[in-house]
Each structure stands twice: as C-alpha cells, then as structure tokens.
Amino acid sequence: MASLKLWVQGARIRTLPLAIAPIALGAAVASTTEDFSLLLSLLALTVSLALQIGVNYANDYSDGIRGTDANRVGPLRLTGSGSAKPKAVKNAAFLSFGLAGLVGLFLVLASGHYWLILIGAASILAAWFYTGGKSPYGYAGLGEVAVFVFFGLVATIGTSFVQQGFVSPLAVILGSASGLYATAVLLVNNIRDIRTDTESGKRTIAVKLGEKTSKRVFLWMIWLPVALNLLLVLLWPATVLGLANLLLLLPATLILLKARTPKDLITVLKLTSLAGFGFGVLVGLGIFLVNLGL
C-alpha cells in the first residue's frame, strides 16, 4: 500500500499553482466592477484544485495501465511504478472529481446560474478522457487545446462570471494568458517525453511537431503573456508586479535552449509552472490594488 508521501507525490503538487492562477485572475476581474465575493472565489478555487488533482491521478492511472509510464523520465507515477494498485489510483481520481462536482454544485446554487452545471460536467469529462477511455484525446495531440480551454479560459471566465453575471472581455484576455502558461507546462512535459511517447503510440503535439518546432511554440507561449502584461501596466500600473516573472522566464528560456537530455527539461517545467502562478497572483494583485485606490 502506497504511503501518504507517495500519494502526495502522485497528486503532483507542483502543478497546483496552475489551478490557482486563473482563479486569482477571475477574482481580480470581478473586483473591477465591485462584484468580488470571497466565498464564490474560494468555492471556485476548491473546484479548480480538485479538478487538477483529479486529472493528475486519472492521468497516472490511464497512462500506467497502458504502459506509457514504463520508461518515463521525471517524478514517480503511482501506477506505472507499481507503488499503488491501479484501482486505488482510479478511485482517488474519482473522489477528486466528486469533490469538484459537489463544491461546483454549491457554487452554481450560490450564483444562481444553473446552466453552469453543464460546464462543470464538461470539465470533469475532459479531465477523465484526456488519457482515459478507448480513444483518449491526449494521445491524439489535443491535450494542449483542452488545457488552454479549461485551465485558462473556463477557469478565469467562470470565476468572474459567477460574481459579475456576464462575460468580461478582460477575463477572456487574462484567461488566455493564464491558459498559455498552463499549456506551456504540458507542452514542455511532452517535449521531455517525446521518445517514450513515440514508442508507446502517444501522438502528442510535441511528437507531431518534433522537438525543435515544439520548443519554438513553447517560447511563444511563455513570452506572449509578458507582452500582454506590459499593455496591462498602461491601465493598471500596479500590474507591473507581474513582470517579476522575468526572473523565472529568463532562466527557463536559457535552460530550454541549452537542454540536451529530457532531464534538463524538468527544471524548465518547474519554472514555467511558477511563472504561471506568478502571473495569476501578481497581475491579479495589481488589479486589486488599483481598484482599492492604492
């Protein structure tokens, strides 16, 4: 039976900042019209975290039983390493999805927008079928698209919508930026696994594009939000805080360009995840500060 430490590792705690960032941005957007609700924001955060942990366990289970993780490079996987029984990992994923669904239901009831139940259901289905089922879309190169949509646009717009009652253009813009960071994390993870994914028949975007082109796409993904941040400073000067991300993006870029082995990219993945978190929290904080008149 896997220890608590292994279960925590299996939850992939390092990916959780990417679940926090879009919620912080969505809450900041709500503050621009004085509709910010701490309760609704916390409920949205709980849903986002539960979905992220759920998809991590689901990915661990599905890739593990397919043998995709047999020779992977990177952190331990519960199923692939044999540290936990596949059924237990699957149950952990379903429990996480169940928590996301339950808290999401409270969020819907509190906001009064009942059609959001459909969005929640779609989010859970997307999380499971990323690597689960007979024809997982993650194996067809669509994983990055789903991450951009659900952990960027849906999370950010959804958080602001349940508070404001309308889709804010600012939420769409910030959600796109947050989605780029989340997608970049998945992309660099898949760049690292090109060889093993190719051998197992997993046709990710990185496998289809090749290493060099995938790295170029990755660099666009992490630097476009910086350009957006510079524009945001013109409207909300305090969002200059977000440019602290340069301390993470510059070394990530240098390491990526010099990387020669899959292990070299693990540091890039960590830095990118922190950069996505930094963008969400610091830019969101900047918007809050301006709205408070500070």
C-alpha atoms as a PDB file:
ATOM      1  CA  MET A   1       0.000   0.000   0.000  1.00  0.00           C
ATOM      2  CA  ALA A   2       1.385   3.384  -1.013  1.00  0.00           C
ATOM      3  CA  SER A   3       2.405   5.752   1.761  1.00  0.00           C
ATOM      4  CA  LEU A   4       0.866   9.177   2.251  1.00  0.00           C
ATOM      5  CA  LYS A   5       4.050  10.724   0.851  1.00  0.00           C
ATOM      6  CA  LEU A   6       3.675   8.765  -2.381  1.00  0.00           C
ATOM      7  CA  TRP A   7       0.017   9.770  -2.706  1.00  0.00           C
ATOM      8  CA  VAL A   8       1.029  13.409  -2.287  1.00  0.00           C
ATOM      9  CA  GLN A   9       3.660  12.934  -4.993  1.00  0.00           C
ATOM     10  CA  GLY A  10       1.030  11.292  -7.185  1.00  0.00           C
ATOM     11  CA  ALA A  11      -1.194  14.356  -6.801  1.00  0.00           C
ATOM     12  CA  ARG A  12       1.641  16.335  -8.462  1.00  0.00           C
ATOM     13  CA  ILE A  13       1.585  19.278  -6.072  1.00  0.00           C
ATOM     14  CA  ARG A  14       3.867  21.263  -8.386  1.00  0.00           C
ATOM     15  CA  THR A  15       1.021  21.536 -10.915  1.00  0.00           C
ATOM     16  CA  LEU A  16      -1.419  23.074  -8.429  1.00  0.00           C
ATOM     17  CA  PRO A  17      -0.189  26.670  -8.867  1.00  0.00           C
ATOM     18  CA  LEU A  18      -1.637  26.475 -12.377  1.00  0.00           C
ATOM     19  CA  ALA A  19      -5.046  25.755 -10.854  1.00  0.00           C
ATOM     20  CA  ILE A  20      -4.752  28.758  -8.547  1.00  0.00           C
ATOM     21  CA  ALA A  21      -3.604  31.328 -11.123  1.00  0.00           C
ATOM     22  CA  PRO A  22      -6.795  31.557 -13.241  1.00  0.00           C
ATOM     23  CA  ILE A  23      -8.974  31.806 -10.134  1.00  0.00           C
ATOM     24  CA  ALA A  24      -6.884  34.712  -8.845  1.00  0.00           C
ATOM     25  CA  LEU A  25      -7.262  36.450 -12.196  1.00  0.00           C
ATOM     26  CA  GLY A  26     -11.014  35.816 -12.374  1.00  0.00           C
ATOM     27  CA  ALA A  27     -11.466  37.189  -8.862  1.00  0.00           C
ATOM     28  CA  ALA A  28      -9.447  40.277  -9.808  1.00  0.00           C
ATOM     29  CA  VAL A  29     -11.675  40.832 -12.831  1.00  0.00           C
ATOM     30  CA  ALA A  30     -14.737  40.691 -10.565  1.00  0.00           C
ATOM     31  CA  SER A  31     -13.186  43.381  -8.390  1.00  0.00           C
ATOM     32  CA  THR A  32     -13.128  45.823 -11.326  1.00  0.00           C
ATOM     33  CA  THR A  33     -16.921  46.126 -11.069  1.00  0.00           C
ATOM     34  CA  GLU A  34     -17.043  45.801  -7.276  1.00  0.00           C
ATOM     35  CA  ASP A  35     -18.705  42.380  -7.590  1.00  0.00           C
ATOM     36  CA  PHE A  36     -15.927  40.471  -5.847  1.00  0.00           C
ATOM     37  CA  SER A  37     -17.122  37.735  -3.495  1.00  0.00           C
ATOM     38  CA  LEU A  38     -14.579  35.941  -1.313  1.00  0.00           C
ATOM     39  CA  LEU A  39     -16.944  32.993  -0.795  1.00  0.00           C
ATOM     40  CA  LEU A  40     -17.575  32.418  -4.502  1.00  0.00           C
ATOM     41  CA  SER A  41     -13.877  32.831  -5.257  1.00  0.00           C
ATOM     42  CA  LEU A  42     -12.928  30.227  -2.643  1.00  0.00           C
ATOM     43  CA  LEU A  43     -15.537  27.811  -3.987  1.00  0.00           C
ATOM     44  CA  ALA A  44     -14.151  28.274  -7.497  1.00  0.00           C
ATOM     45  CA  LEU A  45     -10.628  27.698  -6.167  1.00  0.00           C
ATOM     46  CA  THR A  46     -11.678  24.457  -4.495  1.00  0.00           C
ATOM     47  CA  VAL A  47     -13.237  23.204  -7.736  1.00  0.00           C
ATOM     48  CA  SER A  48     -10.131  24.103  -9.709  1.00  0.00           C
ATOM     49  CA  LEU A  49      -7.747  22.390  -7.279  1.00  0.00           C
ATOM     50  CA  ALA A  50      -9.900  19.257  -7.068  1.00  0.00           C
ATOM     51  CA  LEU A  51     -10.072  19.026 -10.865  1.00  0.00           C
ATOM     52  CA  GLN A  52      -6.307  19.440 -11.186  1.00  0.00           C
ATOM     53  CA  ILE A  53      -5.619  16.712  -8.640  1.00  0.00           C
ATOM     54  CA  GLY A  54      -8.272  14.536 -10.252  1.00  0.00           C
ATOM     55  CA  VAL A  55      -6.784  14.822 -13.722  1.00  0.00           C
ATOM     56  CA  ASN A  56      -3.327  14.103 -12.294  1.00  0.00           C
ATOM     57  CA  TYR A  57      -4.497  10.856 -10.705  1.00  0.00           C
ATOM     58  CA  ALA A  58      -6.562   9.966 -13.779  1.00  0.00           C
ATOM     59  CA  ASN A  59      -3.540  10.516 -15.998  1.00  0.00           C
ATOM     60  CA  ASP A  60      -1.410   8.420 -13.646  1.00  0.00           C
ATOM     61  CA  TYR A  61      -3.952   5.588 -13.787  1.00  0.00           C
ATOM     62  CA  SER A  62      -4.634   5.621 -17.530  1.00  0.00           C
ATOM     63  CA  ASP A  63      -1.024   6.030 -18.639  1.00  0.00           C
ATOM     64  CA  GLY A  64       0.037   3.433 -16.088  1.00  0.00           C
ATOM     65  CA  ILE A  65      -2.283   0.664 -17.268  1.00  0.00           C
ATOM     66  CA  ARG A  66      -1.366   1.400 -20.894  1.00  0.00           C
ATOM     67  CA  GLY A  67       2.328   1.121 -20.127  1.00  0.00           C
ATOM     68  CA  THR A  68       3.043   4.671 -21.258  1.00  0.00           C
ATOM     69  CA  ASP A  69       4.861   5.468 -17.999  1.00  0.00           C
ATOM     70  CA  ALA A  70       7.001   2.327 -18.022  1.00  0.00           C
ATOM     71  CA  ASN A  71      10.203   4.101 -19.080  1.00  0.00           C
ATOM     72  CA  ARG A  72       9.353   7.746 -18.485  1.00  0.00           C
ATOM     73  CA  VAL A  73      11.768  10.390 -17.204  1.00  0.00           C
ATOM     74  CA  GLY A  74      10.568  12.504 -14.295  1.00  0.00           C
ATOM     75  CA  PRO A  75       8.727  12.222 -10.966  1.00  0.00           C
ATOM     76  CA  LEU A  76       7.360   8.886  -9.787  1.00  0.00           C
ATOM     77  CA  ARG A  77       3.994   7.675 -11.062  1.00  0.00           C
ATOM     78  CA  LEU A  78       1.940   5.538  -8.696  1.00  0.00           C
ATOM     79  CA  THR A  79       0.517   3.108 -11.254  1.00  0.00           C
ATOM     80  CA  GLY A  80       3.471   2.882 -13.615  1.00  0.00           C
ATOM     81  CA  SER A  81       5.939   2.254 -10.773  1.00  0.00           C
ATOM     82  CA  GLY A  82       3.698  -0.292  -9.070  1.00  0.00           C
ATOM     83  CA  SER A  83       3.630   1.806  -5.885  1.00  0.00           C
ATOM     84  CA  ALA A  84      -0.178   1.670  -5.756  1.00  0.00           C
ATOM     85  CA  LYS A  85      -2.843  -0.568  -7.235  1.00  0.00           C
ATOM     86  CA  PRO A  86      -4.440   0.830 -10.399  1.00  0.00           C
ATOM     87  CA  LYS A  87      -7.929   0.614  -8.875  1.00  0.00           C
ATOM     88  CA  ALA A  88      -6.833   2.708  -5.886  1.00  0.00           C
ATOM     89  CA  VAL A  89      -5.402   5.414  -8.160  1.00  0.00           C
ATOM     90  CA  LYS A  90      -8.576   5.371 -10.250  1.00  0.00           C
ATOM     91  CA  ASN A  91     -10.690   5.729  -7.104  1.00  0.00           C
ATOM     92  CA  ALA A  92      -8.529   8.684  -5.997  1.00  0.00           C
ATOM     93  CA  ALA A  93      -9.251  10.355  -9.324  1.00  0.00           C
ATOM     94  CA  PHE A  94     -12.990   9.781  -8.999  1.00  0.00           C
ATOM     95  CA  LEU A  95     -13.016  11.046  -5.423  1.00  0.00           C
ATOM     96  CA  SER A  96     -11.315  14.234  -6.585  1.00  0.00           C
ATOM     97  CA  PHE A  97     -13.801  14.637  -9.425  1.00  0.00           C
ATOM     98  CA  GLY A  98     -16.633  14.001  -6.993  1.00  0.00           C
ATOM     99  CA  LEU A  99     -15.372  16.737  -4.668  1.00  0.00           C
ATOM    100  CA  ALA A 100     -15.069  19.120  -7.629  1.00  0.00           C
ATOM    101  CA  GLY A 101     -18.615  18.294  -8.684  1.00  0.00           C
ATOM    102  CA  LEU A 102     -20.070  18.684  -5.194  1.00  0.00           C
ATOM    103  CA  VAL A 103     -18.389  22.028  -4.493  1.00  0.00           C
ATOM    104  CA  GLY A 104     -19.198  23.119  -8.034  1.00  0.00           C
ATOM    105  CA  LEU A 105     -22.863  22.423  -7.337  1.00  0.00           C
ATOM    106  CA  PHE A 106     -22.736  24.699  -4.283  1.00  0.00           C
ATOM    107  CA  LEU A 107     -21.102  27.338  -6.472  1.00  0.00           C
ATOM    108  CA  VAL A 108     -23.885  27.051  -9.033  1.00  0.00           C
ATOM    109  CA  LEU A 109     -26.584  27.265  -6.371  1.00  0.00           C
ATOM    110  CA  ALA A 110     -24.911  30.278  -4.767  1.00  0.00           C
ATOM    111  CA  SER A 111     -24.567  32.101  -8.078  1.00  0.00           C
ATOM    112  CA  GLY A 112     -27.969  31.128  -9.478  1.00  0.00           C
ATOM    113  CA  HIS A 113     -26.548  30.287 -12.923  1.00  0.00           C
ATOM    114  CA  TYR A 114     -27.784  26.692 -13.178  1.00  0.00           C
ATOM    115  CA  TRP A 115     -26.619  26.120 -16.743  1.00  0.00           C
ATOM    116  CA  LEU A 116     -23.058  26.172 -15.370  1.00  0.00           C
ATOM    117  CA  ILE A 117     -23.688  22.562 -14.329  1.00  0.00           C
ATOM    118  CA  LEU A 118     -23.104  21.671 -17.993  1.00  0.00           C
ATOM    119  CA  ILE A 119     -19.745  23.447 -17.947  1.00  0.00           C
ATOM    120  CA  GLY A 120     -18.782  21.590 -14.793  1.00  0.00           C
ATOM    121  CA  ALA A 121     -19.769  18.243 -16.295  1.00  0.00           C
ATOM    122  CA  ALA A 122     -17.774  19.029 -19.444  1.00  0.00           C
ATOM    123  CA  SER A 123     -14.738  19.892 -17.306  1.00  0.00           C
ATOM    124  CA  ILE A 124     -14.865  16.555 -15.484  1.00  0.00           C
ATOM    125  CA  LEU A 125     -15.360  14.592 -18.695  1.00  0.00           C
ATOM    126  CA  ALA A 126     -12.458  16.440 -20.318  1.00  0.00           C
ATOM    127  CA  ALA A 127     -10.280  15.651 -17.307  1.00  0.00           C
ATOM    128  CA  TRP A 128     -11.026  11.920 -17.478  1.00  0.00           C
ATOM    129  CA  PHE A 129     -10.905  11.390 -21.234  1.00  0.00           C
ATOM    130  CA  TYR A 130      -7.606  13.253 -21.598  1.00  0.00           C
ATOM    131  CA  THR A 131      -5.860   9.906 -21.179  1.00  0.00           C
ATOM    132  CA  GLY A 132      -8.832   7.717 -20.193  1.00  0.00           C
ATOM    133  CA  GLY A 133     -11.260   5.691 -22.290  1.00  0.00           C
ATOM    134  CA  LYS A 134     -10.657   3.811 -25.528  1.00  0.00           C
ATOM    135  CA  SER A 135      -9.710   6.869 -27.571  1.00  0.00           C
ATOM    136  CA  PRO A 136      -8.087   9.438 -25.241  1.00  0.00           C
ATOM    137  CA  TYR A 137      -7.762  12.810 -26.936  1.00  0.00           C
ATOM    138  CA  GLY A 138      -4.438  13.438 -25.200  1.00  0.00           C
ATOM    139  CA  TYR A 139      -2.987  10.643 -27.324  1.00  0.00           C
ATOM    140  CA  ALA A 140      -4.180  12.438 -30.457  1.00  0.00           C
ATOM    141  CA  GLY A 141      -2.413  15.716 -29.748  1.00  0.00           C
ATOM    142  CA  LEU A 142      -5.398  17.607 -28.329  1.00  0.00           C
ATOM    143  CA  GLY A 143      -4.280  17.789 -24.714  1.00  0.00           C
ATOM    144  CA  GLU A 144      -2.836  21.278 -25.038  1.00  0.00           C
ATOM    145  CA  VAL A 145      -6.096  22.561 -26.537  1.00  0.00           C
ATOM    146  CA  ALA A 146      -8.117  21.210 -23.614  1.00  0.00           C
ATOM    147  CA  VAL A 147      -5.704  22.646 -21.031  1.00  0.00           C
ATOM    148  CA  PHE A 148      -5.877  26.088 -22.657  1.00  0.00           C
ATOM    149  CA  VAL A 149      -9.677  26.000 -22.689  1.00  0.00           C
ATOM    150  CA  PHE A 150     -10.414  24.545 -19.253  1.00  0.00           C
ATOM    151  CA  PHE A 151      -7.442  25.666 -17.125  1.00  0.00           C
ATOM    152  CA  GLY A 152      -7.258  29.031 -18.836  1.00  0.00           C
ATOM    153  CA  LEU A 153     -10.466  30.376 -20.308  1.00  0.00           C
ATOM    154  CA  VAL A 154     -13.104  28.385 -18.422  1.00  0.00           C
ATOM    155  CA  ALA A 155     -11.460  28.767 -15.004  1.00  0.00           C
ATOM    156  CA  THR A 156     -10.850  32.504 -15.344  1.00  0.00           C
ATOM    157  CA  ILE A 157     -14.080  33.461 -17.088  1.00  0.00           C
ATOM    158  CA  GLY A 158     -16.093  31.142 -14.856  1.00  0.00           C
ATOM    159  CA  THR A 159     -14.704  32.682 -11.678  1.00  0.00           C
ATOM    160  CA  SER A 160     -15.545  36.212 -12.802  1.00  0.00           C
ATOM    161  CA  PHE A 161     -18.883  35.232 -14.349  1.00  0.00           C
ATOM    162  CA  VAL A 162     -20.373  33.696 -11.199  1.00  0.00           C
ATOM    163  CA  GLN A 163     -19.688  37.017  -9.484  1.00  0.00           C
ATOM    164  CA  GLN A 164     -20.408  39.541 -12.232  1.00  0.00           C
ATOM    165  CA  GLY A 165     -23.115  37.726 -14.189  1.00  0.00           C
ATOM    166  CA  PHE A 166     -21.570  38.462 -17.589  1.00  0.00           C
ATOM    167  CA  VAL A 167     -18.523  37.519 -19.660  1.00  0.00           C
ATOM    168  CA  SER A 168     -15.921  40.233 -19.228  1.00  0.00           C
ATOM    169  CA  PRO A 169     -13.522  40.875 -22.157  1.00  0.00           C
ATOM    170  CA  LEU A 170     -10.789  41.325 -19.557  1.00  0.00           C
ATOM    171  CA  ALA A 171     -11.486  37.821 -18.233  1.00  0.00           C
ATOM    172  CA  VAL A 172     -11.110  36.431 -21.751  1.00  0.00           C
ATOM    173  CA  ILE A 173      -7.765  38.186 -22.204  1.00  0.00           C
ATOM    174  CA  LEU A 174      -6.385  37.201 -18.812  1.00  0.00           C
ATOM    175  CA  GLY A 175      -7.765  33.682 -19.164  1.00  0.00           C
ATOM    176  CA  SER A 176      -5.924  33.344 -22.462  1.00  0.00           C
ATOM    177  CA  ALA A 177      -2.656  34.419 -20.835  1.00  0.00           C
ATOM    178  CA  SER A 178      -3.137  32.011 -17.942  1.00  0.00           C
ATOM    179  CA  GLY A 179      -4.075  29.282 -20.395  1.00  0.00           C
ATOM    180  CA  LEU A 180      -0.848  29.846 -22.339  1.00  0.00           C
ATOM    181  CA  TYR A 181       1.217  29.214 -19.229  1.00  0.00           C
ATOM    182  CA  ALA A 182      -0.739  26.075 -18.334  1.00  0.00           C
ATOM    183  CA  THR A 183      -0.440  24.822 -21.913  1.00  0.00           C
ATOM    184  CA  ALA A 184       3.280  25.575 -21.938  1.00  0.00           C
ATOM    185  CA  VAL A 185       3.749  23.380 -18.869  1.00  0.00           C
ATOM    186  CA  LEU A 186       2.043  20.467 -20.616  1.00  0.00           C
ATOM    187  CA  LEU A 187       3.964  21.117 -23.823  1.00  0.00           C
ATOM    188  CA  VAL A 188       7.400  21.093 -22.183  1.00  0.00           C
ATOM    189  CA  ASN A 189       6.363  17.943 -20.297  1.00  0.00           C
ATOM    190  CA  ASN A 190       5.506  16.340 -23.638  1.00  0.00           C
ATOM    191  CA  ILE A 191       8.736  17.594 -25.226  1.00  0.00           C
ATOM    192  CA  ARG A 192      10.587  15.805 -22.453  1.00  0.00           C
ATOM    193  CA  ASP A 193       8.649  12.607 -23.163  1.00  0.00           C
ATOM    194  CA  ILE A 194       8.867  12.640 -26.987  1.00  0.00           C
ATOM    195  CA  ARG A 195      10.903   9.443 -27.198  1.00  0.00           C
ATOM    196  CA  THR A 196       8.854   7.394 -24.743  1.00  0.00           C
ATOM    197  CA  ASP A 197       5.537   8.750 -26.056  1.00  0.00           C
ATOM    198  CA  THR A 198       6.530   7.851 -29.609  1.00  0.00           C
ATOM    199  CA  GLU A 199       7.377   4.319 -28.539  1.00  0.00           C
ATOM    200  CA  SER A 200       4.033   3.919 -26.738  1.00  0.00           C
ATOM    201  CA  GLY A 201       1.970   5.393 -29.583  1.00  0.00           C
ATOM    202  CA  LYS A 202       1.068   8.611 -27.771  1.00  0.00           C
ATOM    203  CA  ARG A 203       0.855  11.222 -30.558  1.00  0.00           C
ATOM    204  CA  THR A 204       1.123  14.466 -28.592  1.00  0.00           C
ATOM    205  CA  ILE A 205       1.647  17.812 -30.296  1.00  0.00           C
ATOM    206  CA  ALA A 206       5.319  17.570 -29.331  1.00  0.00           C
ATOM    207  CA  VAL A 207       5.601  14.207 -31.081  1.00  0.00           C
ATOM    208  CA  LYS A 208       3.853  15.552 -34.183  1.00  0.00           C
ATOM    209  CA  LEU A 209       5.810  18.813 -34.405  1.00  0.00           C
ATOM    210  CA  GLY A 210       9.176  17.493 -33.318  1.00  0.00           C
ATOM    211  CA  GLU A 211      11.486  18.839 -30.645  1.00  0.00           C
ATOM    212  CA  LYS A 212      12.779  21.993 -32.377  1.00  0.00           C
ATOM    213  CA  THR A 213       9.394  23.319 -33.517  1.00  0.00           C
ATOM    214  CA  SER A 214       7.788  22.414 -30.176  1.00  0.00           C
ATOM    215  CA  LYS A 215      10.430  24.431 -28.340  1.00  0.00           C
ATOM    216  CA  ARG A 216       9.702  27.464 -30.530  1.00  0.00           C
ATOM    217  CA  VAL A 217       5.980  27.154 -29.798  1.00  0.00           C
ATOM    218  CA  PHE A 218       6.754  26.835 -26.098  1.00  0.00           C
ATOM    219  CA  LEU A 219       8.768  30.072 -26.122  1.00  0.00           C
ATOM    220  CA  TRP A 220       5.891  31.935 -27.792  1.00  0.00           C
ATOM    221  CA  MET A 221       3.552  30.611 -25.120  1.00  0.00           C
ATOM    222  CA  ILE A 222       5.594  31.872 -22.176  1.00  0.00           C
ATOM    223  CA  TRP A 223       6.580  35.247 -23.640  1.00  0.00           C
ATOM    224  CA  LEU A 224       3.237  36.395 -25.100  1.00  0.00           C
ATOM    225  CA  PRO A 225       1.806  36.910 -21.567  1.00  0.00           C
ATOM    226  CA  VAL A 226       4.773  39.199 -20.834  1.00  0.00           C
ATOM    227  CA  ALA A 227       3.808  41.396 -23.788  1.00  0.00           C
ATOM    228  CA  LEU A 228       0.238  41.412 -22.505  1.00  0.00           C
ATOM    229  CA  ASN A 229       1.486  42.332 -19.030  1.00  0.00           C
ATOM    230  CA  LEU A 230       3.243  45.385 -20.455  1.00  0.00           C
ATOM    231  CA  LEU A 231      -0.043  46.529 -22.004  1.00  0.00           C
ATOM    232  CA  LEU A 232      -1.902  45.952 -18.738  1.00  0.00           C
ATOM    233  CA  VAL A 233       0.500  48.278 -16.949  1.00  0.00           C
ATOM    234  CA  LEU A 234      -0.921  51.141 -19.011  1.00  0.00           C
ATOM    235  CA  LEU A 235      -4.381  50.544 -17.485  1.00  0.00           C
ATOM    236  CA  TRP A 236      -3.424  49.162 -14.078  1.00  0.00           C
ATOM    237  CA  PRO A 237       0.078  50.416 -13.175  1.00  0.00           C
ATOM    238  CA  ALA A 238       0.342  48.065 -10.211  1.00  0.00           C
ATOM    239  CA  THR A 239       0.279  45.064 -12.576  1.00  0.00           C
ATOM    240  CA  VAL A 240       3.956  45.854 -13.125  1.00  0.00           C
ATOM    241  CA  LEU A 241       4.340  43.353 -10.276  1.00  0.00           C
ATOM    242  CA  GLY A 242       3.733  40.620 -12.831  1.00  0.00           C
ATOM    243  CA  LEU A 243       6.984  41.468 -14.599  1.00  0.00           C
ATOM    244  CA  ALA A 244       8.785  39.816 -11.693  1.00  0.00           C
ATOM    245  CA  ASN A 245       8.108  36.715 -13.798  1.00  0.00           C
ATOM    246  CA  LEU A 246      11.151  37.648 -15.847  1.00  0.00           C
ATOM    247  CA  LEU A 247      13.245  36.183 -13.039  1.00  0.00           C
ATOM    248  CA  LEU A 248      11.716  32.804 -13.894  1.00  0.00           C
ATOM    249  CA  LEU A 249      11.226  33.106 -17.639  1.00  0.00           C
ATOM    250  CA  LEU A 250      14.774  34.135 -18.499  1.00  0.00           C
ATOM    251  CA  PRO A 251      16.432  31.073 -16.892  1.00  0.00           C
ATOM    252  CA  ALA A 252      13.654  28.821 -18.241  1.00  0.00           C
ATOM    253  CA  THR A 253      14.382  30.075 -21.744  1.00  0.00           C
ATOM    254  CA  LEU A 254      18.150  29.640 -21.400  1.00  0.00           C
ATOM    255  CA  ILE A 255      17.827  26.127 -19.984  1.00  0.00           C
ATOM    256  CA  LEU A 256      15.396  25.129 -22.721  1.00  0.00           C
ATOM    257  CA  LEU A 257      17.726  26.345 -25.472  1.00  0.00           C
ATOM    258  CA  LYS A 258      20.711  24.538 -23.964  1.00  0.00           C
ATOM    259  CA  ALA A 259      18.876  21.350 -22.942  1.00  0.00           C
ATOM    260  CA  ARG A 260      20.392  18.163 -24.302  1.00  0.00           C
ATOM    261  CA  THR A 261      18.581  15.483 -22.304  1.00  0.00           C
ATOM    262  CA  PRO A 262      14.965  15.009 -21.127  1.00  0.00           C
ATOM    263  CA  LYS A 263      16.061  15.532 -17.510  1.00  0.00           C
ATOM    264  CA  ASP A 264      17.215  19.053 -18.363  1.00  0.00           C
ATOM    265  CA  LEU A 265      13.612  19.999 -19.123  1.00  0.00           C
ATOM    266  CA  ILE A 266      12.314  19.122 -15.654  1.00  0.00           C
ATOM    267  CA  THR A 267      13.676  22.428 -14.336  1.00  0.00           C
ATOM    268  CA  VAL A 268      12.030  24.273 -17.234  1.00  0.00           C
ATOM    269  CA  LEU A 269       8.711  22.654 -16.310  1.00  0.00           C
ATOM    270  CA  LYS A 270       9.035  23.778 -12.682  1.00  0.00           C
ATOM    271  CA  LEU A 271       9.988  27.346 -13.623  1.00  0.00           C
ATOM    272  CA  THR A 272       7.121  27.607 -16.094  1.00  0.00           C
ATOM    273  CA  SER A 273       4.609  26.384 -13.536  1.00  0.00           C
ATOM    274  CA  LEU A 274       5.839  29.004 -11.064  1.00  0.00           C
ATOM    275  CA  ALA A 275       5.708  31.662 -13.791  1.00  0.00           C
ATOM    276  CA  GLY A 276       2.070  30.825 -14.492  1.00  0.00           C
ATOM    277  CA  PHE A 277       1.335  31.095 -10.795  1.00  0.00           C
ATOM    278  CA  GLY A 278       3.262  34.360 -10.577  1.00  0.00           C
ATOM    279  CA  PHE A 279       1.357  35.880 -13.460  1.00  0.00           C
ATOM    280  CA  GLY A 280      -2.005  34.984 -11.950  1.00  0.00           C
ATOM    281  CA  VAL A 281      -1.265  36.103  -8.411  1.00  0.00           C
ATOM    282  CA  LEU A 282       0.853  39.196  -9.137  1.00  0.00           C
ATOM    283  CA  VAL A 283      -1.199  40.584 -12.017  1.00  0.00           C
ATOM    284  CA  GLY A 284      -4.373  39.799 -10.078  1.00  0.00           C
ATOM    285  CA  LEU A 285      -2.957  41.543  -7.020  1.00  0.00           C
ATOM    286  CA  GLY A 286      -2.030  44.552  -9.140  1.00  0.00           C
ATOM    287  CA  ILE A 287      -5.597  44.866 -10.424  1.00  0.00           C
ATOM    288  CA  PHE A 288      -6.957  44.539  -6.876  1.00  0.00           C
ATOM    289  CA  LEU A 289      -4.610  47.238  -5.603  1.00  0.00           C
ATOM    290  CA  VAL A 290      -5.657  49.706  -8.295  1.00  0.00           C
ATOM    291  CA  ASN A 291      -9.338  49.023  -7.611  1.00  0.00           C
ATOM    292  CA  LEU A 292      -8.696  49.701  -3.928  1.00  0.00           C
ATOM    293  CA  GLY A 293      -7.172  53.013  -4.865  1.00  0.00           C
ATOM    294  CA  LEU A 294      -3.668  52.018  -3.795  1.00  0.00           C
END
